Amino acid sequence: MSESGGLRTFAVIMDKGDEAVERLNHFAAREEVSGAGLTAVGACREATLGYFDRQAGDYLDIPVGEQSEVLSLVGDIATHEGRPALHAHAVLGHRDGSTTGGHLKRLTVWPTLEVLVTETPTRLRKKVDPEVGLALIDLDQGP
């Protein structure tokens, strides 16, 4: 961890078999991160991404059952109902050069995932948007 101007930057390095979403939520709770951006690269042995189906109002699973490169993983951490809420998207690269992308639901690391988490100067809070049915960042919420 490094600190600059009161903002912290963390390197969260994951190892073989770690479940990335679970690990990042646990990390954010432990470090009391209430607003941050994140980026990551690495690889996974399997993952589940998602596509938000507007008509269904839910995510459709996109299973990835093969070793893949995490070419890009970007997202944020905010709070929802007092707990950290990770929102991230990933692009996974396959052996043949094709890619799969979507909302990160689950990812099993193999052999590593290198995540940089940088706090934002503002706390980020989510509130359920009743029209969409998802918890979205609401900048109008008070402290």
C-alpha atoms as a PDB file:
ATOM      1  CA  MET A   1       0.000   0.000   0.000  1.00  0.00           C
ATOM      2  CA  SER A   2       1.138   3.559  -0.710  1.00  0.00           C
ATOM      3  CA  GLU A   3      -0.500   6.786   0.367  1.00  0.00           C
ATOM      4  CA  SER A   4      -0.528  10.182  -1.334  1.00  0.00           C
ATOM      5  CA  GLY A   5      -2.569  13.145  -0.184  1.00  0.00           C
ATOM      6  CA  GLY A   6      -4.641  10.936   2.107  1.00  0.00           C
ATOM      7  CA  LEU A   7      -5.601   8.573  -0.724  1.00  0.00           C
ATOM      8  CA  ARG A   8      -4.376   5.011  -0.645  1.00  0.00           C
ATOM      9  CA  THR A   9      -3.300   2.777  -3.495  1.00  0.00           C
ATOM     10  CA  PHE A  10      -3.184  -0.969  -2.906  1.00  0.00           C
ATOM     11  CA  ALA A  11      -1.697  -3.854  -4.853  1.00  0.00           C
ATOM     12  CA  VAL A  12      -3.890  -6.916  -4.286  1.00  0.00           C
ATOM     13  CA  ILE A  13      -1.969  -9.882  -5.671  1.00  0.00           C
ATOM     14  CA  MET A  14      -3.988 -13.064  -5.990  1.00  0.00           C
ATOM     15  CA  ASP A  15      -2.675 -16.605  -6.226  1.00  0.00           C
ATOM     16  CA  LYS A  16      -3.729 -19.895  -7.790  1.00  0.00           C
ATOM     17  CA  GLY A  17      -7.295 -20.854  -6.884  1.00  0.00           C
ATOM     18  CA  ASP A  18      -8.345 -17.510  -5.380  1.00  0.00           C
ATOM     19  CA  GLU A  19     -11.867 -16.395  -6.268  1.00  0.00           C
ATOM     20  CA  ALA A  20     -11.392 -12.779  -7.364  1.00  0.00           C
ATOM     21  CA  VAL A  21     -14.801 -11.247  -6.578  1.00  0.00           C
ATOM     22  CA  GLU A  22     -14.919 -12.773  -3.098  1.00  0.00           C
ATOM     23  CA  ARG A  23     -11.330 -11.757  -2.392  1.00  0.00           C
ATOM     24  CA  LEU A  24     -11.824  -8.148  -3.571  1.00  0.00           C
ATOM     25  CA  ASN A  25     -14.998  -7.711  -1.508  1.00  0.00           C
ATOM     26  CA  HIS A  26     -13.221  -9.113   1.561  1.00  0.00           C
ATOM     27  CA  PHE A  27     -10.224  -6.823   0.954  1.00  0.00           C
ATOM     28  CA  ALA A  28     -12.467  -3.731   0.596  1.00  0.00           C
ATOM     29  CA  ALA A  29     -14.304  -4.534   3.846  1.00  0.00           C
ATOM     30  CA  ARG A  30     -11.066  -5.164   5.762  1.00  0.00           C
ATOM     31  CA  GLU A  31      -9.438  -1.929   4.519  1.00  0.00           C
ATOM     32  CA  GLU A  32     -12.697   0.060   4.824  1.00  0.00           C
ATOM     33  CA  VAL A  33     -12.571   1.170   1.187  1.00  0.00           C
ATOM     34  CA  SER A  34     -15.679   3.249   0.498  1.00  0.00           C
ATOM     35  CA  GLY A  35     -14.778   4.481  -2.979  1.00  0.00           C
ATOM     36  CA  ALA A  36     -12.111   3.285  -5.402  1.00  0.00           C
ATOM     37  CA  GLY A  37     -11.250   2.491  -8.976  1.00  0.00           C
ATOM     38  CA  LEU A  38      -9.445  -0.679  -9.931  1.00  0.00           C
ATOM     39  CA  THR A  39      -7.591  -2.258 -12.820  1.00  0.00           C
ATOM     40  CA  ALA A  40      -6.141  -5.742 -13.134  1.00  0.00           C
ATOM     41  CA  VAL A  41      -4.297  -8.137 -15.407  1.00  0.00           C
ATOM     42  CA  GLY A  42      -3.433 -11.802 -14.996  1.00  0.00           C
ATOM     43  CA  ALA A  43      -5.033 -15.117 -15.882  1.00  0.00           C
ATOM     44  CA  CYS A  44      -7.812 -17.464 -14.794  1.00  0.00           C
ATOM     45  CA  ARG A  45      -8.710 -21.120 -15.103  1.00  0.00           C
ATOM     46  CA  GLU A  46     -12.444 -20.383 -15.331  1.00  0.00           C
ATOM     47  CA  ALA A  47     -14.848 -17.508 -14.960  1.00  0.00           C
ATOM     48  CA  THR A  48     -18.451 -16.447 -15.215  1.00  0.00           C
ATOM     49  CA  LEU A  49     -19.122 -13.131 -16.874  1.00  0.00           C
ATOM     50  CA  GLY A  50     -22.523 -11.599 -17.394  1.00  0.00           C
ATOM     51  CA  TYR A  51     -24.562  -9.664 -19.917  1.00  0.00           C
ATOM     52  CA  PHE A  52     -27.339  -7.459 -18.524  1.00  0.00           C
ATOM     53  CA  ASP A  53     -30.570  -8.376 -20.305  1.00  0.00           C
ATOM     54  CA  ARG A  54     -32.712  -5.283 -20.109  1.00  0.00           C
ATOM     55  CA  GLN A  55     -35.985  -7.125 -20.778  1.00  0.00           C
ATOM     56  CA  ALA A  56     -35.303  -9.763 -18.120  1.00  0.00           C
ATOM     57  CA  GLY A  57     -33.855  -7.206 -15.690  1.00  0.00           C
ATOM     58  CA  ASP A  58     -31.060  -9.615 -14.809  1.00  0.00           C
ATOM     59  CA  TYR A  59     -27.644 -10.819 -15.902  1.00  0.00           C
ATOM     60  CA  LEU A  60     -27.368 -13.710 -18.325  1.00  0.00           C
ATOM     61  CA  ASP A  61     -24.386 -15.933 -17.505  1.00  0.00           C
ATOM     62  CA  ILE A  62     -21.480 -16.167 -19.917  1.00  0.00           C
ATOM     63  CA  PRO A  63     -19.470 -19.170 -18.678  1.00  0.00           C
ATOM     64  CA  VAL A  64     -15.781 -19.393 -19.572  1.00  0.00           C
ATOM     65  CA  GLY A  65     -14.521 -22.894 -18.757  1.00  0.00           C
ATOM     66  CA  GLU A  66     -10.977 -22.670 -20.075  1.00  0.00           C
ATOM     67  CA  GLN A  67      -7.647 -21.141 -19.125  1.00  0.00           C
ATOM     68  CA  SER A  68      -7.747 -17.494 -20.255  1.00  0.00           C
ATOM     69  CA  GLU A  69      -5.679 -14.352 -20.024  1.00  0.00           C
ATOM     70  CA  VAL A  70      -7.275 -11.479 -18.119  1.00  0.00           C
ATOM     71  CA  LEU A  71      -6.517  -8.898 -20.795  1.00  0.00           C
ATOM     72  CA  SER A  72      -8.402  -6.160 -19.005  1.00  0.00           C
ATOM     73  CA  LEU A  73     -10.351  -5.920 -15.787  1.00  0.00           C
ATOM     74  CA  VAL A  74     -11.642  -2.480 -14.803  1.00  0.00           C
ATOM     75  CA  GLY A  75     -14.160  -1.360 -12.260  1.00  0.00           C
ATOM     76  CA  ASP A  76     -14.989   0.379  -9.031  1.00  0.00           C
ATOM     77  CA  ILE A  77     -15.743  -0.283  -5.401  1.00  0.00           C
ATOM     78  CA  ALA A  78     -18.574   1.617  -3.748  1.00  0.00           C
ATOM     79  CA  THR A  79     -20.733   0.891  -0.725  1.00  0.00           C
ATOM     80  CA  HIS A  80     -24.256  -0.500  -0.825  1.00  0.00           C
ATOM     81  CA  GLU A  81     -26.230  -1.025   2.365  1.00  0.00           C
ATOM     82  CA  GLY A  82     -23.066  -0.444   4.401  1.00  0.00           C
ATOM     83  CA  ARG A  83     -20.954  -3.088   2.641  1.00  0.00           C
ATOM     84  CA  PRO A  84     -18.444  -2.926  -0.215  1.00  0.00           C
ATOM     85  CA  ALA A  85     -19.966  -3.449  -3.653  1.00  0.00           C
ATOM     86  CA  LEU A  86     -17.605  -4.390  -6.458  1.00  0.00           C
ATOM     87  CA  HIS A  87     -18.622  -3.553 -10.022  1.00  0.00           C
ATOM     88  CA  ALA A  88     -16.153  -4.713 -12.650  1.00  0.00           C
ATOM     89  CA  HIS A  89     -16.017  -5.745 -16.284  1.00  0.00           C
ATOM     90  CA  ALA A  90     -13.457  -8.086 -17.810  1.00  0.00           C
ATOM     91  CA  VAL A  91     -12.141  -9.036 -21.219  1.00  0.00           C
ATOM     92  CA  LEU A  92     -10.700 -12.564 -21.291  1.00  0.00           C
ATOM     93  CA  GLY A  93      -8.390 -13.736 -24.064  1.00  0.00           C
ATOM     94  CA  HIS A  94      -8.425 -17.341 -25.266  1.00  0.00           C
ATOM     95  CA  ARG A  95      -5.756 -19.559 -26.814  1.00  0.00           C
ATOM     96  CA  ASP A  96      -6.966 -18.852 -30.358  1.00  0.00           C
ATOM     97  CA  GLY A  97      -6.881 -15.092 -29.851  1.00  0.00           C
ATOM     98  CA  SER A  98     -10.643 -14.686 -29.478  1.00  0.00           C
ATOM     99  CA  THR A  99     -12.052 -12.822 -26.498  1.00  0.00           C
ATOM    100  CA  THR A 100     -15.037 -12.909 -24.187  1.00  0.00           C
ATOM    101  CA  GLY A 101     -16.151  -9.874 -22.237  1.00  0.00           C
ATOM    102  CA  GLY A 102     -18.776  -8.855 -19.747  1.00  0.00           C
ATOM    103  CA  HIS A 103     -19.714  -8.037 -16.176  1.00  0.00           C
ATOM    104  CA  LEU A 104     -17.478  -9.906 -13.719  1.00  0.00           C
ATOM    105  CA  LYS A 105     -19.532 -12.367 -11.659  1.00  0.00           C
ATOM    106  CA  ARG A 106     -16.897 -14.954 -10.700  1.00  0.00           C
ATOM    107  CA  LEU A 107     -13.280 -15.618 -11.651  1.00  0.00           C
ATOM    108  CA  THR A 108     -10.942 -18.350 -10.400  1.00  0.00           C
ATOM    109  CA  VAL A 109      -7.331 -17.153 -10.620  1.00  0.00           C
ATOM    110  CA  TRP A 110      -4.606 -19.249 -12.262  1.00  0.00           C
ATOM    111  CA  PRO A 111      -1.729 -18.497 -11.757  1.00  0.00           C
ATOM    112  CA  THR A 112      -2.026 -14.839 -10.672  1.00  0.00           C
ATOM    113  CA  LEU A 113      -4.177 -11.727 -10.805  1.00  0.00           C
ATOM    114  CA  GLU A 114      -2.514  -8.364 -10.138  1.00  0.00           C
ATOM    115  CA  VAL A 115      -5.087  -5.784  -9.025  1.00  0.00           C
ATOM    116  CA  LEU A 116      -4.344  -2.107  -8.392  1.00  0.00           C
ATOM    117  CA  VAL A 117      -6.982  -0.406  -6.236  1.00  0.00           C
ATOM    118  CA  THR A 118      -6.876   3.398  -5.952  1.00  0.00           C
ATOM    119  CA  GLU A 119      -9.188   5.217  -3.567  1.00  0.00           C
ATOM    120  CA  THR A 120     -11.268   8.094  -4.874  1.00  0.00           C
ATOM    121  CA  PRO A 121     -11.430  11.413  -3.029  1.00  0.00           C
ATOM    122  CA  THR A 122     -15.215  10.987  -2.672  1.00  0.00           C
ATOM    123  CA  ARG A 123     -17.076   8.152  -0.988  1.00  0.00           C
ATOM    124  CA  LEU A 124     -19.109   6.261  -3.537  1.00  0.00           C
ATOM    125  CA  ARG A 125     -22.507   4.909  -2.544  1.00  0.00           C
ATOM    126  CA  LYS A 126     -24.970   2.836  -4.497  1.00  0.00           C
ATOM    127  CA  LYS A 127     -28.734   2.982  -4.435  1.00  0.00           C
ATOM    128  CA  VAL A 128     -31.147   0.679  -6.232  1.00  0.00           C
ATOM    129  CA  ASP A 129     -32.618   2.314  -9.325  1.00  0.00           C
ATOM    130  CA  PRO A 130     -36.185   0.940  -9.351  1.00  0.00           C
ATOM    131  CA  GLU A 131     -36.543   1.334 -13.117  1.00  0.00           C
ATOM    132  CA  VAL A 132     -33.432  -0.748 -13.818  1.00  0.00           C
ATOM    133  CA  GLY A 133     -33.435  -3.001 -10.752  1.00  0.00           C
ATOM    134  CA  LEU A 134     -29.712  -2.561 -10.100  1.00  0.00           C
ATOM    135  CA  ALA A 135     -27.740  -0.743  -7.405  1.00  0.00           C
ATOM    136  CA  LEU A 136     -26.093   2.186  -9.216  1.00  0.00           C
ATOM    137  CA  ILE A 137     -23.715   4.862  -7.915  1.00  0.00           C
ATOM    138  CA  ASP A 138     -25.696   7.799  -6.593  1.00  0.00           C
ATOM    139  CA  LEU A 139     -23.586  10.938  -6.202  1.00  0.00           C
ATOM    140  CA  ASP A 140     -26.505  12.803  -4.598  1.00  0.00           C
ATOM    141  CA  GLN A 141     -26.544  10.640  -1.472  1.00  0.00           C
ATOM    142  CA  GLY A 142     -25.321  12.433   1.639  1.00  0.00           C
ATOM    143  CA  PRO A 143     -22.488  11.196   3.879  1.00  0.00           C
END
